[in-house]
Amino acid sequence: MGESLLSGMLRAGAAPDTLLVGEKRAARAGELEDRYGVTVVSNVEAAQKADTLALVVKPQDMGAVLEEIEPHLRPGQLIVSLAAGITTAFIESRIPDGVAVVRVMPNTPALVDEGMAAISPGSHCDEEHLAEAEQLLGATGHVMRLDEKHLDAVTAISGSGPAYVFYVVESMIEAGVHLGLPRATATELVIQTVVGSAKMLRETGTHPTVLREQVTSPAGTTAAAIRELEVHKVRAAFLSAMEAARNRSQALAEGS
């Protein structure tokens, strides 16, 4: 996600010389400098120099990163955290007073500027901080403000959501091959079907149930397929899967 955010900001017009990237691995640092023309520095130097810090780290690494940069933070800075399950309270308890925190749940379509990010303010945030976070995340897609209590559910729906879509696409392609289609043909058919269906949802504003019913003729092929999905409790499986993702997000916040 860090590189997705960086490349999106540059595509949106940010000047490379206004960005600092924290990266400990020398080979990776050189790769980023060569590819994007940005300056790669230590986490400490980034904390000392930047007004806004985007922390794109694994949840289990957040404590160590905050411990490293805490002595170098100052009131008025903004931390934008993209770590799943890590609450603003967790971060605020480990940084100086007066440093604002915005928690973000992004997703991987940010790679193609079609991301969906939900942002939630910490206790020291004001409108200016939220607007700054919106501008930052808006470089890679859509941004929605939500109370932090909803972010575990957001993690389950949109944060992990692309994986569910890819899983369905993968399953449909394999079904196409099983039914005798060449793999390349099945792949093109499925991907365009998903892209077109998503575009219909966005551009028509029609409820998905209505769109599904429009495709489902009585006693037809689609009705037969939907019946099998219902028999195998696919809808219930999606609910259980997203509850599991929500629960795991909550567990990450509790440190387990």
Protein backbone atom coordinates (compact mmCIF):
# COMPACT_ATOMS: atom_id res chain seq x y z
CA MET A 1 0.00 0.00 0.00
CA GLY A 2 2.86 2.38 0.65
CA GLU A 3 4.06 2.33 -2.93
CA SER A 4 0.46 2.59 -4.17
CA LEU A 5 0.01 5.75 -2.13
CA LEU A 6 3.33 7.17 -3.26
CA SER A 7 2.71 6.55 -6.95
CA GLY A 8 -0.84 7.89 -6.67
CA MET A 9 0.36 11.12 -5.09
CA LEU A 10 2.88 11.59 -7.88
CA ARG A 11 0.26 10.91 -10.56
CA ALA A 12 -1.96 13.47 -8.85
CA GLY A 13 0.73 16.12 -9.25
CA ALA A 14 2.81 16.00 -6.06
CA ALA A 15 6.40 17.05 -6.70
CA PRO A 16 8.93 14.31 -5.83
CA ASP A 17 11.10 16.80 -3.94
CA THR A 18 8.23 17.47 -1.50
CA LEU A 19 8.05 13.81 -0.42
CA LEU A 20 10.25 11.81 1.94
CA VAL A 21 10.06 8.03 2.05
CA GLY A 22 11.17 6.05 5.09
CA GLU A 23 12.71 2.70 4.14
CA LYS A 24 15.29 0.66 6.07
CA ARG A 25 16.25 -1.80 3.33
CA ALA A 26 19.03 -0.32 1.19
CA ALA A 27 18.13 -2.20 -1.98
CA ARG A 28 14.49 -1.21 -1.70
CA ALA A 29 15.44 2.41 -0.96
CA GLY A 30 17.52 2.58 -4.13
CA GLU A 31 14.71 1.06 -6.15
CA LEU A 32 12.22 3.68 -4.93
CA GLU A 33 14.62 6.55 -5.58
CA ASP A 34 15.32 5.34 -9.11
CA ARG A 35 11.68 4.67 -9.95
CA TYR A 36 10.04 7.76 -8.48
CA GLY A 37 12.77 10.34 -7.99
CA VAL A 38 11.95 10.73 -4.29
CA THR A 39 14.35 11.02 -1.38
CA VAL A 40 14.52 7.96 0.87
CA VAL A 41 15.52 8.63 4.48
CA SER A 42 15.42 6.92 7.86
CA ASN A 43 12.18 6.86 9.83
CA VAL A 44 13.74 9.23 12.34
CA GLU A 45 14.67 11.80 9.69
CA ALA A 46 11.20 11.56 8.17
CA ALA A 47 9.66 12.20 11.59
CA GLN A 48 11.93 15.18 12.14
CA LYS A 49 11.28 16.86 8.79
CA ALA A 50 7.76 15.97 7.64
CA ASP A 51 4.57 17.78 8.61
CA THR A 52 2.41 14.78 7.66
CA LEU A 53 3.57 11.20 8.19
CA ALA A 54 1.80 8.29 6.51
CA LEU A 55 2.58 5.12 8.46
CA VAL A 56 2.15 2.16 6.13
CA VAL A 57 3.35 -0.69 8.33
CA LYS A 58 2.16 -4.11 9.45
CA PRO A 59 -0.02 -3.95 12.59
CA GLN A 60 2.50 -5.98 14.59
CA ASP A 61 5.25 -3.49 13.68
CA MET A 62 3.39 -0.32 14.67
CA GLY A 63 4.54 -0.30 18.30
CA ALA A 64 8.21 -0.50 17.34
CA VAL A 65 7.87 2.20 14.68
CA LEU A 66 6.15 4.57 17.11
CA GLU A 67 8.82 3.92 19.73
CA GLU A 68 11.48 4.78 17.17
CA ILE A 69 9.96 8.07 15.99
CA GLU A 70 8.25 9.30 19.19
CA PRO A 71 11.22 11.37 20.47
CA HIS A 72 11.31 13.24 17.16
CA LEU A 73 7.64 14.13 16.80
CA ARG A 74 6.31 17.59 17.57
CA PRO A 75 2.89 19.18 18.20
CA GLY A 76 1.13 20.16 14.99
CA GLN A 77 2.23 17.15 12.99
CA LEU A 78 -0.29 14.74 11.49
CA ILE A 79 0.07 10.96 11.52
CA VAL A 80 -2.01 9.09 8.96
CA SER A 81 -2.05 5.40 9.88
CA LEU A 82 -2.86 2.72 7.31
CA ALA A 83 -2.25 -0.20 9.69
CA ALA A 84 -5.22 -2.57 9.93
CA GLY A 85 -6.77 -2.89 13.36
CA ILE A 86 -4.56 -0.28 15.05
CA THR A 87 -6.73 2.29 16.83
CA THR A 88 -6.09 6.00 17.12
CA ALA A 89 -6.03 5.53 20.91
CA PHE A 90 -3.17 3.03 20.58
CA ILE A 91 -1.15 5.51 18.55
CA GLU A 92 -2.02 8.56 20.66
CA SER A 93 -0.88 6.77 23.82
CA ARG A 94 2.59 6.41 22.31
CA ILE A 95 3.20 9.88 20.83
CA PRO A 96 3.45 13.42 22.23
CA ASP A 97 0.33 15.45 22.97
CA GLY A 98 -0.67 17.72 20.13
CA VAL A 99 0.20 15.29 17.34
CA ALA A 100 -2.98 14.55 15.39
CA VAL A 101 -3.86 11.05 14.21
CA VAL A 102 -6.12 9.90 11.38
CA ARG A 103 -6.78 6.19 10.99
CA VAL A 104 -7.31 4.89 7.46
CA MET A 105 -8.64 1.65 6.01
CA PRO A 106 -7.62 1.61 2.32
CA ASN A 107 -7.76 -1.16 -0.26
CA THR A 108 -5.59 -2.39 -3.11
CA PRO A 109 -7.52 -0.91 -6.07
CA ALA A 110 -5.64 2.23 -5.06
CA LEU A 111 -3.01 0.78 -7.40
CA VAL A 112 -5.21 1.84 -10.34
CA ASP A 113 -6.64 4.98 -8.69
CA GLU A 114 -9.91 3.20 -7.87
CA GLY A 115 -9.30 2.68 -4.17
CA MET A 116 -11.87 3.03 -1.40
CA ALA A 117 -10.50 4.50 1.81
CA ALA A 118 -12.40 5.15 5.03
CA ILE A 119 -10.84 7.68 7.41
CA SER A 120 -11.51 8.31 11.09
CA PRO A 121 -10.19 11.16 13.25
CA GLY A 122 -8.37 10.77 16.53
CA SER A 123 -9.04 12.93 19.58
CA HIS A 124 -6.69 15.76 18.51
CA CYS A 125 -7.92 16.05 14.91
CA ASP A 126 -9.62 19.10 13.48
CA GLU A 127 -11.18 19.78 10.09
CA GLU A 128 -7.85 20.81 8.61
CA HIS A 129 -6.29 17.48 9.56
CA LEU A 130 -9.18 15.52 8.06
CA ALA A 131 -9.01 17.58 4.87
CA GLU A 132 -5.28 16.87 4.63
CA ALA A 133 -5.90 13.14 5.02
CA GLU A 134 -8.68 13.27 2.42
CA GLN A 135 -6.37 14.99 -0.05
CA LEU A 136 -3.65 12.43 0.61
CA LEU A 137 -5.91 9.39 0.12
CA GLY A 138 -7.93 11.05 -2.64
CA ALA A 139 -4.90 10.72 -4.91
CA THR A 140 -5.67 7.00 -5.22
CA GLY A 141 -9.47 6.87 -5.31
CA HIS A 142 -12.50 7.61 -3.17
CA VAL A 143 -12.50 8.69 0.48
CA MET A 144 -15.25 8.39 3.09
CA ARG A 145 -15.33 9.81 6.63
CA LEU A 146 -16.62 7.44 9.32
CA ASP A 147 -16.61 7.11 13.09
CA GLU A 148 -13.78 4.86 14.18
CA LYS A 149 -16.21 2.34 15.70
CA HIS A 150 -17.11 1.32 12.13
CA LEU A 151 -13.58 0.68 10.86
CA ASP A 152 -13.43 -2.99 11.82
CA ALA A 153 -16.52 -3.54 9.66
CA VAL A 154 -14.98 -1.43 6.89
CA THR A 155 -11.89 -3.63 7.07
CA ALA A 156 -14.11 -6.67 6.49
CA ILE A 157 -16.11 -5.12 3.64
CA SER A 158 -13.88 -2.89 1.53
CA GLY A 159 -10.44 -3.49 3.04
CA SER A 160 -10.54 -7.22 2.40
CA GLY A 161 -13.23 -6.90 -0.27
CA PRO A 162 -10.96 -7.03 -3.34
CA ALA A 163 -9.81 -10.50 -2.27
CA TYR A 164 -13.42 -11.72 -2.25
CA VAL A 165 -13.96 -10.33 -5.74
CA PHE A 166 -10.75 -11.96 -6.98
CA TYR A 167 -11.85 -15.23 -5.37
CA VAL A 168 -15.17 -15.11 -7.23
CA VAL A 169 -13.42 -14.22 -10.48
CA GLU A 170 -10.97 -17.08 -10.00
CA SER A 171 -13.85 -19.49 -9.35
CA MET A 172 -15.78 -18.34 -12.42
CA ILE A 173 -12.71 -18.70 -14.65
CA GLU A 174 -12.11 -22.23 -13.38
CA ALA A 175 -15.77 -23.04 -14.01
CA GLY A 176 -15.43 -21.75 -17.56
CA VAL A 177 -12.44 -24.00 -18.15
CA HIS A 178 -14.36 -26.93 -16.66
CA LEU A 179 -17.19 -26.20 -19.11
CA GLY A 180 -14.81 -26.39 -22.05
CA LEU A 181 -13.72 -22.80 -22.68
CA PRO A 182 -10.05 -21.96 -23.32
CA ARG A 183 -8.58 -20.34 -20.20
CA ALA A 184 -7.81 -17.05 -21.97
CA THR A 185 -11.37 -16.87 -23.26
CA ALA A 186 -12.86 -17.63 -19.85
CA THR A 187 -10.61 -15.02 -18.25
CA GLU A 188 -11.63 -12.27 -20.67
CA LEU A 189 -15.33 -13.15 -20.36
CA VAL A 190 -15.27 -13.10 -16.56
CA ILE A 191 -13.19 -9.95 -16.11
CA GLN A 192 -15.29 -7.90 -18.52
CA THR A 193 -18.48 -9.23 -16.91
CA VAL A 194 -17.28 -8.06 -13.49
CA VAL A 195 -16.11 -4.67 -14.80
CA GLY A 196 -19.36 -4.11 -16.69
CA SER A 197 -21.52 -5.19 -13.76
CA ALA A 198 -19.68 -2.85 -11.39
CA LYS A 199 -20.10 0.00 -13.86
CA MET A 200 -23.84 -0.69 -14.06
CA LEU A 201 -24.12 -0.55 -10.27
CA ARG A 202 -22.25 2.75 -10.08
CA GLU A 203 -23.77 4.53 -13.08
CA THR A 204 -27.41 3.42 -12.82
CA GLY A 205 -27.77 3.64 -9.05
CA THR A 206 -30.12 0.67 -9.29
CA HIS A 207 -30.27 -1.71 -6.32
CA PRO A 208 -28.27 -4.90 -6.97
CA THR A 209 -31.31 -7.05 -6.24
CA VAL A 210 -33.21 -5.32 -9.05
CA LEU A 211 -30.30 -5.74 -11.46
CA ARG A 212 -30.00 -9.42 -10.55
CA GLU A 213 -33.72 -9.97 -11.07
CA GLN A 214 -33.51 -8.29 -14.48
CA VAL A 215 -31.06 -11.00 -15.58
CA THR A 216 -32.99 -13.85 -13.98
CA SER A 217 -35.78 -15.09 -16.25
CA PRO A 218 -38.31 -17.55 -14.77
CA ALA A 219 -37.09 -21.14 -15.18
CA GLY A 220 -34.06 -19.86 -17.09
CA THR A 221 -30.34 -20.54 -16.93
CA THR A 222 -29.59 -17.78 -14.42
CA ALA A 223 -32.41 -18.95 -12.14
CA ALA A 224 -30.90 -22.42 -12.17
CA ALA A 225 -27.48 -21.02 -11.26
CA ILE A 226 -28.82 -18.80 -8.45
CA ARG A 227 -30.71 -21.77 -7.01
CA GLU A 228 -27.43 -23.70 -6.72
CA LEU A 229 -25.76 -20.75 -5.00
CA GLU A 230 -28.62 -20.62 -2.49
CA VAL A 231 -28.53 -24.39 -1.94
CA HIS A 232 -24.83 -24.11 -1.11
CA LYS A 233 -25.51 -21.15 1.20
CA VAL A 234 -23.11 -18.81 -0.59
CA ARG A 235 -24.81 -15.72 0.83
CA ALA A 236 -24.44 -17.07 4.38
CA ALA A 237 -20.82 -17.97 3.69
CA PHE A 238 -20.08 -14.38 2.66
CA LEU A 239 -21.62 -13.14 5.91
CA SER A 240 -19.56 -15.59 7.96
CA ALA A 241 -16.40 -14.65 6.07
CA MET A 242 -16.88 -10.93 6.70
CA GLU A 243 -17.70 -11.52 10.35
CA ALA A 244 -14.43 -13.45 10.63
CA ALA A 245 -12.53 -10.57 9.01
CA ARG A 246 -14.20 -8.09 11.38
CA ASN A 247 -13.31 -10.25 14.37
CA ARG A 248 -9.70 -10.54 13.25
CA SER A 249 -9.46 -6.76 12.89
CA GLN A 250 -10.72 -6.41 16.45
CA ALA A 251 -8.19 -8.98 17.65
CA LEU A 252 -5.36 -7.05 16.00
CA ALA A 253 -6.44 -3.97 17.94
CA GLU A 254 -6.22 -6.01 21.14
CA GLY A 255 -2.74 -7.21 20.25
CA SER A 256 -3.55 -10.86 19.62
